[in-house]
Amino acid sequence: MLKKNHAGATEEFKKVNCDDYCMEKINKSMTFQELLQKYPAAGAIIEARGLHCLGCSGALFESIEQGSKMHGLGDAAIDEMIEEINSGIAKDTPKGKKSGQKSKGK
């Protein structure tokens, strides 16, 4: 028996479609390393806020929230940064393709 989620789609449908077509949203608990491996273009957004994580060893284990707070960003600024990153990922992801997925044949 298939469970329905709150949006009305079956869990099976959601799993198949999200595995193939959904982007993974960024959240504050992800490490900088996870963020930058999945979405390298996010580096420009975090650097614009004074977070120079690309060469920092803390990027391996610090969450986005922890590192941001250590550099003086407040909760509202962190939420705004996460929203900007997620908006950029959604805009740059072609329909039917996960962000970071390589094009075939090119």
PDB file of N, CA and C in Angstrom:
ATOM      1  N   MET A   1       0.847  -1.185   0.000  1.00  0.00           N
ATOM      2  CA  MET A   1       0.000   0.000   0.000  1.00  0.00           C
ATOM      3  C   MET A   1       0.893   1.249   0.000  1.00  0.00           C
ATOM      4  N   LEU A   2       0.583   2.199  -0.845  1.00  0.00           N
ATOM      5  CA  LEU A   2       1.379   3.416  -0.945  1.00  0.00           C
ATOM      6  C   LEU A   2       0.810   4.498  -0.040  1.00  0.00           C
ATOM      7  N   LYS A   3       1.683   5.123   0.747  1.00  0.00           N
ATOM      8  CA  LYS A   3       1.257   6.218   1.607  1.00  0.00           C
ATOM      9  C   LYS A   3       1.173   7.501   0.797  1.00  0.00           C
ATOM     10  N   LYS A   4       0.199   8.327   1.116  1.00  0.00           N
ATOM     11  CA  LYS A   4       0.115   9.631   0.463  1.00  0.00           C
ATOM     12  C   LYS A   4       0.791  10.670   1.347  1.00  0.00           C
ATOM     13  N   ASN A   5       1.524  11.570   0.719  1.00  0.00           N
ATOM     14  CA  ASN A   5       2.133  12.636   1.505  1.00  0.00           C
ATOM     15  C   ASN A   5       1.149  13.795   1.595  1.00  0.00           C
ATOM     16  N   HIS A   6       1.526  14.836   2.324  1.00  0.00           N
ATOM     17  CA  HIS A   6       0.606  15.947   2.546  1.00  0.00           C
ATOM     18  C   HIS A   6       0.281  16.717   1.275  1.00  0.00           C
ATOM     19  N   ALA A   7       1.047  16.572   0.231  1.00  0.00           N
ATOM     20  CA  ALA A   7       0.757  17.267  -1.025  1.00  0.00           C
ATOM     21  C   ALA A   7      -0.163  16.431  -1.917  1.00  0.00           C
ATOM     22  N   GLY A   8      -0.510  15.218  -1.475  1.00  0.00           N
ATOM     23  CA  GLY A   8      -1.431  14.389  -2.236  1.00  0.00           C
ATOM     24  C   GLY A   8      -0.761  13.373  -3.144  1.00  0.00           C
ATOM     25  N   ALA A   9       0.542  13.471  -3.356  1.00  0.00           N
ATOM     26  CA  ALA A   9       1.247  12.509  -4.213  1.00  0.00           C
ATOM     27  C   ALA A   9       1.612  11.289  -3.373  1.00  0.00           C
ATOM     28  N   THR A  10       1.676  10.150  -3.995  1.00  0.00           N
ATOM     29  CA  THR A  10       2.082   8.962  -3.256  1.00  0.00           C
ATOM     30  C   THR A  10       3.564   9.041  -2.948  1.00  0.00           C
ATOM     31  N   GLU A  11       3.984   8.383  -1.874  1.00  0.00           N
ATOM     32  CA  GLU A  11       5.396   8.373  -1.508  1.00  0.00           C
ATOM     33  C   GLU A  11       6.234   7.761  -2.628  1.00  0.00           C
ATOM     34  N   GLU A  12       5.721   6.711  -3.259  1.00  0.00           N
ATOM     35  CA  GLU A  12       6.448   6.071  -4.357  1.00  0.00           C
ATOM     36  C   GLU A  12       6.659   7.057  -5.510  1.00  0.00           C
ATOM     37  N   PHE A  13       5.617   7.781  -5.868  1.00  0.00           N
ATOM     38  CA  PHE A  13       5.694   8.774  -6.940  1.00  0.00           C
ATOM     39  C   PHE A  13       6.708   9.852  -6.568  1.00  0.00           C
ATOM     40  N   LYS A  14       6.609  10.332  -5.333  1.00  0.00           N
ATOM     41  CA  LYS A  14       7.514  11.378  -4.869  1.00  0.00           C
ATOM     42  C   LYS A  14       8.965  10.895  -4.925  1.00  0.00           C
ATOM     43  N   LYS A  15       9.228   9.664  -4.455  1.00  0.00           N
ATOM     44  CA  LYS A  15      10.583   9.137  -4.445  1.00  0.00           C
ATOM     45  C   LYS A  15      11.148   9.035  -5.854  1.00  0.00           C
ATOM     46  N   VAL A  16      10.393   8.475  -6.767  1.00  0.00           N
ATOM     47  CA  VAL A  16      10.869   8.306  -8.138  1.00  0.00           C
ATOM     48  C   VAL A  16      11.135   9.662  -8.778  1.00  0.00           C
ATOM     49  N   ASN A  17      10.206  10.577  -8.654  1.00  0.00           N
ATOM     50  CA  ASN A  17      10.365  11.868  -9.299  1.00  0.00           C
ATOM     51  C   ASN A  17      11.435  12.731  -8.647  1.00  0.00           C
ATOM     52  N   CYS A  18      11.511  12.744  -7.329  1.00  0.00           N
ATOM     53  CA  CYS A  18      12.531  13.563  -6.683  1.00  0.00           C
ATOM     54  C   CYS A  18      13.926  13.009  -6.916  1.00  0.00           C
ATOM     55  N   ASP A  19      14.056  11.690  -6.959  1.00  0.00           N
ATOM     56  CA  ASP A  19      15.368  11.124  -7.249  1.00  0.00           C
ATOM     57  C   ASP A  19      15.846  11.545  -8.630  1.00  0.00           C
ATOM     58  N   ASP A  20      14.924  11.732  -9.559  1.00  0.00           N
ATOM     59  CA  ASP A  20      15.291  12.072 -10.921  1.00  0.00           C
ATOM     60  C   ASP A  20      15.267  13.563 -11.223  1.00  0.00           C
ATOM     61  N   TYR A  21      14.414  14.318 -10.536  1.00  0.00           N
ATOM     62  CA  TYR A  21      14.170  15.681 -10.999  1.00  0.00           C
ATOM     63  C   TYR A  21      14.290  16.793  -9.963  1.00  0.00           C
ATOM     64  N   CYS A  22      14.351  16.499  -8.687  1.00  0.00           N
ATOM     65  CA  CYS A  22      14.337  17.561  -7.682  1.00  0.00           C
ATOM     66  C   CYS A  22      15.743  17.999  -7.302  1.00  0.00           C
ATOM     67  N   MET A  23      15.868  19.274  -6.980  1.00  0.00           N
ATOM     68  CA  MET A  23      17.128  19.755  -6.443  1.00  0.00           C
ATOM     69  C   MET A  23      17.091  19.569  -4.932  1.00  0.00           C
ATOM     70  N   GLU A  24      18.243  19.443  -4.341  1.00  0.00           N
ATOM     71  CA  GLU A  24      18.321  19.365  -2.890  1.00  0.00           C
ATOM     72  C   GLU A  24      18.510  20.766  -2.357  1.00  0.00           C
ATOM     73  N   LYS A  25      17.602  21.203  -1.503  1.00  0.00           N
ATOM     74  CA  LYS A  25      17.724  22.538  -0.939  1.00  0.00           C
ATOM     75  C   LYS A  25      18.832  22.575   0.105  1.00  0.00           C
ATOM     76  N   ILE A  26      19.474  23.707   0.159  1.00  0.00           N
ATOM     77  CA  ILE A  26      20.525  23.952   1.134  1.00  0.00           C
ATOM     78  C   ILE A  26      19.863  24.318   2.457  1.00  0.00           C
ATOM     79  N   ASN A  27      20.454  23.869   3.556  1.00  0.00           N
ATOM     80  CA  ASN A  27      19.962  24.269   4.872  1.00  0.00           C
ATOM     81  C   ASN A  27      21.148  24.595   5.766  1.00  0.00           C
ATOM     82  N   LYS A  28      20.862  25.244   6.891  1.00  0.00           N
ATOM     83  CA  LYS A  28      21.909  25.736   7.789  1.00  0.00           C
ATOM     84  C   LYS A  28      22.745  24.642   8.427  1.00  0.00           C
ATOM     85  N   SER A  29      22.216  23.430   8.502  1.00  0.00           N
ATOM     86  CA  SER A  29      22.958  22.368   9.180  1.00  0.00           C
ATOM     87  C   SER A  29      23.972  21.670   8.273  1.00  0.00           C
ATOM     88  N   MET A  30      23.941  21.950   6.971  1.00  0.00           N
ATOM     89  CA  MET A  30      24.928  21.380   6.051  1.00  0.00           C
ATOM     90  C   MET A  30      26.284  22.011   6.322  1.00  0.00           C
ATOM     91  N   THR A  31      27.336  21.252   6.055  1.00  0.00           N
ATOM     92  CA  THR A  31      28.667  21.840   6.181  1.00  0.00           C
ATOM     93  C   THR A  31      28.963  22.670   4.931  1.00  0.00           C
ATOM     94  N   PHE A  32      29.928  23.561   5.068  1.00  0.00           N
ATOM     95  CA  PHE A  32      30.344  24.342   3.907  1.00  0.00           C
ATOM     96  C   PHE A  32      30.882  23.417   2.821  1.00  0.00           C
ATOM     97  N   GLN A  33      31.574  22.356   3.231  1.00  0.00           N
ATOM     98  CA  GLN A  33      32.107  21.416   2.256  1.00  0.00           C
ATOM     99  C   GLN A  33      30.979  20.778   1.438  1.00  0.00           C
ATOM    100  N   GLU A  34      29.906  20.341   2.105  1.00  0.00           N
ATOM    101  CA  GLU A  34      28.762  19.755   1.388  1.00  0.00           C
ATOM    102  C   GLU A  34      28.181  20.754   0.395  1.00  0.00           C
ATOM    103  N   LEU A  35      28.004  21.979   0.867  1.00  0.00           N
ATOM    104  CA  LEU A  35      27.458  23.031   0.011  1.00  0.00           C
ATOM    105  C   LEU A  35      28.322  23.245  -1.220  1.00  0.00           C
ATOM    106  N   LEU A  36      29.611  23.426  -1.011  1.00  0.00           N
ATOM    107  CA  LEU A  36      30.501  23.771  -2.119  1.00  0.00           C
ATOM    108  C   LEU A  36      30.759  22.603  -3.057  1.00  0.00           C
ATOM    109  N   GLN A  37      30.676  21.372  -2.560  1.00  0.00           N
ATOM    110  CA  GLN A  37      30.819  20.214  -3.443  1.00  0.00           C
ATOM    111  C   GLN A  37      29.603  20.084  -4.358  1.00  0.00           C
ATOM    112  N   LYS A  38      28.422  20.301  -3.798  1.00  0.00           N
ATOM    113  CA  LYS A  38      27.190  20.151  -4.583  1.00  0.00           C
ATOM    114  C   LYS A  38      26.935  21.350  -5.487  1.00  0.00           C
ATOM    115  N   TYR A  39      27.234  22.546  -4.976  1.00  0.00           N
ATOM    116  CA  TYR A  39      26.913  23.777  -5.698  1.00  0.00           C
ATOM    117  C   TYR A  39      28.089  24.752  -5.633  1.00  0.00           C
ATOM    118  N   PRO A  40      29.137  24.522  -6.432  1.00  0.00           N
ATOM    119  CA  PRO A  40      30.323  25.387  -6.371  1.00  0.00           C
ATOM    120  C   PRO A  40      30.031  26.868  -6.597  1.00  0.00           C
ATOM    121  N   ALA A  41      29.003  27.170  -7.369  1.00  0.00           N
ATOM    122  CA  ALA A  41      28.665  28.573  -7.641  1.00  0.00           C
ATOM    123  C   ALA A  41      28.226  29.312  -6.379  1.00  0.00           C
ATOM    124  N   ALA A  42      27.844  28.587  -5.343  1.00  0.00           N
ATOM    125  CA  ALA A  42      27.443  29.220  -4.082  1.00  0.00           C
ATOM    126  C   ALA A  42      28.625  29.912  -3.417  1.00  0.00           C
ATOM    127  N   GLY A  43      29.833  29.552  -3.814  1.00  0.00           N
ATOM    128  CA  GLY A  43      31.026  30.174  -3.251  1.00  0.00           C
ATOM    129  C   GLY A  43      31.017  31.687  -3.382  1.00  0.00           C
ATOM    130  N   ALA A  44      30.544  32.190  -4.507  1.00  0.00           N
ATOM    131  CA  ALA A  44      30.496  33.640  -4.715  1.00  0.00           C
ATOM    132  C   ALA A  44      29.527  34.307  -3.754  1.00  0.00           C
ATOM    133  N   ILE A  45      28.420  33.638  -3.458  1.00  0.00           N
ATOM    134  CA  ILE A  45      27.412  34.204  -2.548  1.00  0.00           C
ATOM    135  C   ILE A  45      27.952  34.259  -1.124  1.00  0.00           C
ATOM    136  N   ILE A  46      28.610  33.191  -0.687  1.00  0.00           N
ATOM    137  CA  ILE A  46      29.117  33.204   0.690  1.00  0.00           C
ATOM    138  C   ILE A  46      30.329  34.119   0.829  1.00  0.00           C
ATOM    139  N   GLU A  47      31.147  34.197  -0.210  1.00  0.00           N
ATOM    140  CA  GLU A  47      32.301  35.103  -0.152  1.00  0.00           C
ATOM    141  C   GLU A  47      31.868  36.565  -0.106  1.00  0.00           C
ATOM    142  N   ALA A  48      30.761  36.894  -0.766  1.00  0.00           N
ATOM    143  CA  ALA A  48      30.255  38.264  -0.748  1.00  0.00           C
ATOM    144  C   ALA A  48      29.838  38.689   0.662  1.00  0.00           C
ATOM    145  N   ARG A  49      29.625  37.725   1.523  1.00  0.00           N
ATOM    146  CA  ARG A  49      29.250  38.013   2.916  1.00  0.00           C
ATOM    147  C   ARG A  49      30.437  37.877   3.875  1.00  0.00           C
ATOM    148  N   GLY A  50      31.640  37.800   3.326  1.00  0.00           N
ATOM    149  CA  GLY A  50      32.839  37.743   4.144  1.00  0.00           C
ATOM    150  C   GLY A  50      33.214  36.356   4.627  1.00  0.00           C
ATOM    151  N   LEU A  51      32.604  35.329   4.036  1.00  0.00           N
ATOM    152  CA  LEU A  51      32.906  33.954   4.418  1.00  0.00           C
ATOM    153  C   LEU A  51      33.817  33.367   3.349  1.00  0.00           C
ATOM    154  N   HIS A  52      35.076  33.244   3.663  1.00  0.00           N
ATOM    155  CA  HIS A  52      36.067  32.749   2.702  1.00  0.00           C
ATOM    156  C   HIS A  52      36.371  31.288   3.010  1.00  0.00           C
ATOM    157  N   CYS A  53      35.393  30.447   2.719  1.00  0.00           N
ATOM    158  CA  CYS A  53      35.408  29.040   3.146  1.00  0.00           C
ATOM    159  C   CYS A  53      36.158  28.112   2.206  1.00  0.00           C
ATOM    160  N   LEU A  54      36.441  28.555   1.008  1.00  0.00           N
ATOM    161  CA  LEU A  54      37.024  27.654   0.018  1.00  0.00           C
ATOM    162  C   LEU A  54      38.328  27.029   0.469  1.00  0.00           C
ATOM    163  N   GLY A  55      39.162  27.752   1.179  1.00  0.00           N
ATOM    164  CA  GLY A  55      40.440  27.199   1.602  1.00  0.00           C
ATOM    165  C   GLY A  55      40.534  26.938   3.092  1.00  0.00           C
ATOM    166  N   CYS A  56      39.430  27.058   3.792  1.00  0.00           N
ATOM    167  CA  CYS A  56      39.437  26.944   5.249  1.00  0.00           C
ATOM    168  C   CYS A  56      39.208  25.501   5.695  1.00  0.00           C
ATOM    169  N   SER A  57      40.008  25.028   6.650  1.00  0.00           N
ATOM    170  CA  SER A  57      39.826  23.662   7.149  1.00  0.00           C
ATOM    171  C   SER A  57      38.523  23.512   7.921  1.00  0.00           C
ATOM    172  N   GLY A  58      37.990  24.601   8.451  1.00  0.00           N
ATOM    173  CA  GLY A  58      36.708  24.554   9.153  1.00  0.00           C
ATOM    174  C   GLY A  58      35.552  24.182   8.245  1.00  0.00           C
ATOM    175  N   ALA A  59      35.723  24.386   6.950  1.00  0.00           N
ATOM    176  CA  ALA A  59      34.666  24.068   5.983  1.00  0.00           C
ATOM    177  C   ALA A  59      34.354  22.576   5.962  1.00  0.00           C
ATOM    178  N   LEU A  60      35.293  21.767   6.441  1.00  0.00           N
ATOM    179  CA  LEU A  60      35.088  20.316   6.445  1.00  0.00           C
ATOM    180  C   LEU A  60      34.077  19.871   7.489  1.00  0.00           C
ATOM    181  N   PHE A  61      34.007  20.596   8.596  1.00  0.00           N
ATOM    182  CA  PHE A  61      33.169  20.128   9.698  1.00  0.00           C
ATOM    183  C   PHE A  61      32.188  21.155  10.245  1.00  0.00           C
ATOM    184  N   GLU A  62      32.386  22.437   9.962  1.00  0.00           N
ATOM    185  CA  GLU A  62      31.472  23.469  10.469  1.00  0.00           C
ATOM    186  C   GLU A  62      30.214  23.521   9.628  1.00  0.00           C
ATOM    187  N   SER A  63      29.081  23.667  10.301  1.00  0.00           N
ATOM    188  CA  SER A  63      27.840  23.870   9.561  1.00  0.00           C
ATOM    189  C   SER A  63      27.834  25.304   9.028  1.00  0.00           C
ATOM    190  N   ILE A  64      26.986  25.529   8.069  1.00  0.00           N
ATOM    191  CA  ILE A  64      26.851  26.875   7.514  1.00  0.00           C
ATOM    192  C   ILE A  64      26.473  27.848   8.630  1.00  0.00           C
ATOM    193  N   GLU A  65      25.588  27.420   9.501  1.00  0.00           N
ATOM    194  CA  GLU A  65      25.159  28.283  10.604  1.00  0.00           C
ATOM    195  C   GLU A  65      26.306  28.581  11.565  1.00  0.00           C
ATOM    196  N   GLN A  66      27.054  27.553  11.977  1.00  0.00           N
ATOM    197  CA  GLN A  66      28.161  27.755  12.915  1.00  0.00           C
ATOM    198  C   GLN A  66      29.211  28.696  12.346  1.00  0.00           C
ATOM    199  N   GLY A  67      29.659  28.423  11.129  1.00  0.00           N
ATOM    200  CA  GLY A  67      30.689  29.249  10.516  1.00  0.00           C
ATOM    201  C   GLY A  67      30.235  30.678  10.286  1.00  0.00           C
ATOM    202  N   SER A  68      28.982  30.822   9.886  1.00  0.00           N
ATOM    203  CA  SER A  68      28.442  32.165   9.637  1.00  0.00           C
ATOM    204  C   SER A  68      28.377  32.972  10.925  1.00  0.00           C
ATOM    205  N   LYS A  69      27.932  32.327  11.999  1.00  0.00           N
ATOM    206  CA  LYS A  69      27.848  33.031  13.286  1.00  0.00           C
ATOM    207  C   LYS A  69      29.230  33.384  13.818  1.00  0.00           C
ATOM    208  N   MET A  70      30.212  32.507  13.588  1.00  0.00           N
ATOM    209  CA  MET A  70      31.580  32.805  14.025  1.00  0.00           C
ATOM    210  C   MET A  70      32.131  34.039  13.313  1.00  0.00           C
ATOM    211  N   HIS A  71      31.610  34.316  12.125  1.00  0.00           N
ATOM    212  CA  HIS A  71      32.078  35.476  11.365  1.00  0.00           C
ATOM    213  C   HIS A  71      31.126  36.658  11.487  1.00  0.00           C
ATOM    214  N   GLY A  72      30.229  36.609  12.484  1.00  0.00           N
ATOM    215  CA  GLY A  72      29.419  37.770  12.813  1.00  0.00           C
ATOM    216  C   GLY A  72      28.066  37.879  12.122  1.00  0.00           C
ATOM    217  N   LEU A  73      27.659  36.890  11.361  1.00  0.00           N
ATOM    218  CA  LEU A  73      26.341  36.951  10.724  1.00  0.00           C
ATOM    219  C   LEU A  73      25.275  36.534  11.732  1.00  0.00           C
ATOM    220  N   GLY A  74      24.177  37.256  11.727  1.00  0.00           N
ATOM    221  CA  GLY A  74      23.049  36.928  12.591  1.00  0.00           C
ATOM    222  C   GLY A  74      22.098  35.964  11.897  1.00  0.00           C
ATOM    223  N   ASP A  75      21.097  35.532  12.652  1.00  0.00           N
ATOM    224  CA  ASP A  75      20.133  34.566  12.108  1.00  0.00           C
ATOM    225  C   ASP A  75      19.447  35.063  10.839  1.00  0.00           C
ATOM    226  N   ALA A  76      19.031  36.320  10.822  1.00  0.00           N
ATOM    227  CA  ALA A  76      18.337  36.859   9.647  1.00  0.00           C
ATOM    228  C   ALA A  76      19.263  36.883   8.426  1.00  0.00           C
ATOM    229  N   ALA A  77      20.511  37.266   8.627  1.00  0.00           N
ATOM    230  CA  ALA A  77      21.469  37.310   7.512  1.00  0.00           C
ATOM    231  C   ALA A  77      21.766  35.905   6.988  1.00  0.00           C
ATOM    232  N   ILE A  78      21.833  34.929   7.895  1.00  0.00           N
ATOM    233  CA  ILE A  78      22.079  33.544   7.478  1.00  0.00           C
ATOM    234  C   ILE A  78      20.893  33.022   6.677  1.00  0.00           C
ATOM    235  N   ASP A  79      19.687  33.277   7.183  1.00  0.00           N
ATOM    236  CA  ASP A  79      18.482  32.839   6.460  1.00  0.00           C
ATOM    237  C   ASP A  79      18.398  33.468   5.076  1.00  0.00           C
ATOM    238  N   GLU A  80      18.755  34.749   4.991  1.00  0.00           N
ATOM    239  CA  GLU A  80      18.750  35.452   3.697  1.00  0.00           C
ATOM    240  C   GLU A  80      19.770  34.834   2.732  1.00  0.00           C
ATOM    241  N   MET A  81      20.945  34.499   3.252  1.00  0.00           N
ATOM    242  CA  MET A  81      21.986  33.892   2.427  1.00  0.00           C
ATOM    243  C   MET A  81      21.531  32.521   1.911  1.00  0.00           C
ATOM    244  N   ILE A  82      20.943  31.709   2.788  1.00  0.00           N
ATOM    245  CA  ILE A  82      20.449  30.387   2.395  1.00  0.00           C
ATOM    246  C   ILE A  82      19.375  30.530   1.324  1.00  0.00           C
ATOM    247  N   GLU A  83      18.481  31.485   1.515  1.00  0.00           N
ATOM    248  CA  GLU A  83      17.412  31.720   0.534  1.00  0.00           C
ATOM    249  C   GLU A  83      17.995  32.137  -0.820  1.00  0.00           C
ATOM    250  N   GLU A  84      19.009  32.992  -0.798  1.00  0.00           N
ATOM    251  CA  GLU A  84      19.651  33.423  -2.046  1.00  0.00           C
ATOM    252  C   GLU A  84      20.324  32.249  -2.754  1.00  0.00           C
ATOM    253  N   ILE A  85      20.983  31.393  -1.997  1.00  0.00           N
ATOM    254  CA  ILE A  85      21.635  30.221  -2.585  1.00  0.00           C
ATOM    255  C   ILE A  85      20.587  29.298  -3.201  1.00  0.00           C
ATOM    256  N   ASN A  86      19.521  29.005  -2.452  1.00  0.00           N
ATOM    257  CA  ASN A  86      18.474  28.115  -2.969  1.00  0.00           C
ATOM    258  C   ASN A  86      17.779  28.703  -4.192  1.00  0.00           C
ATOM    259  N   SER A  87      17.572  30.011  -4.206  1.00  0.00           N
ATOM    260  CA  SER A  87      16.959  30.659  -5.380  1.00  0.00           C
ATOM    261  C   SER A  87      17.868  30.545  -6.593  1.00  0.00           C
ATOM    262  N   GLY A  88      19.157  30.736  -6.380  1.00  0.00           N
ATOM    263  CA  GLY A  88      20.115  30.625  -7.475  1.00  0.00           C
ATOM    264  C   GLY A  88      20.204  29.216  -8.026  1.00  0.00           C
ATOM    265  N   ILE A  89      20.143  28.222  -7.134  1.00  0.00           N
ATOM    266  CA  ILE A  89      20.189  26.826  -7.566  1.00  0.00           C
ATOM    267  C   ILE A  89      18.958  26.496  -8.395  1.00  0.00           C
ATOM    268  N   ALA A  90      17.787  26.916  -7.913  1.00  0.00           N
ATOM    269  CA  ALA A  90      16.537  26.626  -8.624  1.00  0.00           C
ATOM    270  C   ALA A  90      16.534  27.284  -9.995  1.00  0.00           C
ATOM    271  N   LYS A  91      17.038  28.508 -10.079  1.00  0.00           N
ATOM    272  CA  LYS A  91      17.053  29.240 -11.346  1.00  0.00           C
ATOM    273  C   LYS A  91      18.024  28.626 -12.345  1.00  0.00           C
ATOM    274  N   ASP A  92      19.147  28.114 -11.839  1.00  0.00           N
ATOM    275  CA  ASP A  92      20.180  27.565 -12.708  1.00  0.00           C
ATOM    276  C   ASP A  92      20.001  26.092 -13.047  1.00  0.00           C
ATOM    277  N   THR A  93      18.990  25.445 -12.458  1.00  0.00           N
ATOM    278  CA  THR A  93      18.778  24.024 -12.699  1.00  0.00           C
ATOM    279  C   THR A  93      17.765  23.844 -13.820  1.00  0.00           C
ATOM    280  N   PRO A  94      18.180  23.264 -14.952  1.00  0.00           N
ATOM    281  CA  PRO A  94      17.230  23.028 -16.041  1.00  0.00           C
ATOM    282  C   PRO A  94      16.107  22.104 -15.590  1.00  0.00           C
ATOM    283  N   LYS A  95      14.919  22.328 -16.117  1.00  0.00           N
ATOM    284  CA  LYS A  95      13.774  21.488 -15.778  1.00  0.00           C
ATOM    285  C   LYS A  95      14.103  20.040 -16.122  1.00  0.00           C
ATOM    286  N   GLY A  96      13.800  19.147 -15.168  1.00  0.00           N
ATOM    287  CA  GLY A  96      14.037  17.736 -15.406  1.00  0.00           C
ATOM    288  C   GLY A  96      15.445  17.280 -15.104  1.00  0.00           C
ATOM    289  N   LYS A  97      16.236  18.129 -14.449  1.00  0.00           N
ATOM    290  CA  LYS A  97      17.620  17.754 -14.153  1.00  0.00           C
ATOM    291  C   LYS A  97      17.976  18.259 -12.762  1.00  0.00           C
ATOM    292  N   LYS A  98      18.608  17.432 -11.961  1.00  0.00           N
ATOM    293  CA  LYS A  98      19.059  17.854 -10.652  1.00  0.00           C
ATOM    294  C   LYS A  98      20.236  18.803 -10.814  1.00  0.00           C
ATOM    295  N   SER A  99      20.344  19.764  -9.927  1.00  0.00           N
ATOM    296  CA  SER A  99      21.499  20.637  -9.940  1.00  0.00           C
ATOM    297  C   SER A  99      22.742  19.815  -9.698  1.00  0.00           C
ATOM    298  N   GLY A 100      23.787  20.093 -10.433  1.00  0.00           N
ATOM    299  CA  GLY A 100      25.028  19.366 -10.308  1.00  0.00           C
ATOM    300  C   GLY A 100      25.098  18.143 -11.204  1.00  0.00           C
ATOM    301  N   GLN A 101      23.969  17.775 -11.841  1.00  0.00           N
ATOM    302  CA  GLN A 101      23.953  16.610 -12.728  1.00  0.00           C
ATOM    303  C   GLN A 101      24.614  17.001 -14.036  1.00  0.00           C
ATOM    304  N   LYS A 102      25.502  16.156 -14.525  1.00  0.00           N
ATOM    305  CA  LYS A 102      26.228  16.460 -15.749  1.00  0.00           C
ATOM    306  C   LYS A 102      25.380  16.152 -16.966  1.00  0.00           C
ATOM    307  N   SER A 103      25.540  16.959 -18.002  1.00  0.00           N
ATOM    308  CA  SER A 103      24.842  16.732 -19.259  1.00  0.00           C
ATOM    309  C   SER A 103      25.456  15.538 -19.971  1.00  0.00           C
ATOM    310  N   LYS A 104      24.612  14.758 -20.602  1.00  0.00           N
ATOM    311  CA  LYS A 104      25.113  13.591 -21.333  1.00  0.00           C
ATOM    312  C   LYS A 104      25.556  14.009 -22.729  1.00  0.00           C
ATOM    313  N   GLY A 105      26.658  13.444 -23.165  1.00  0.00           N
ATOM    314  CA  GLY A 105      27.112  13.647 -24.533  1.00  0.00           C
ATOM    315  C   GLY A 105      27.851  14.931 -24.782  1.00  0.00           C
ATOM    316  N   LYS A 106      28.107  15.716 -23.760  1.00  0.00           N
ATOM    317  CA  LYS A 106      28.844  16.975 -23.970  1.00  0.00           C
ATOM    318  C   LYS A 106      29.943  17.116 -22.984  1.00  0.00           C
TER     319      LYS A 106
END
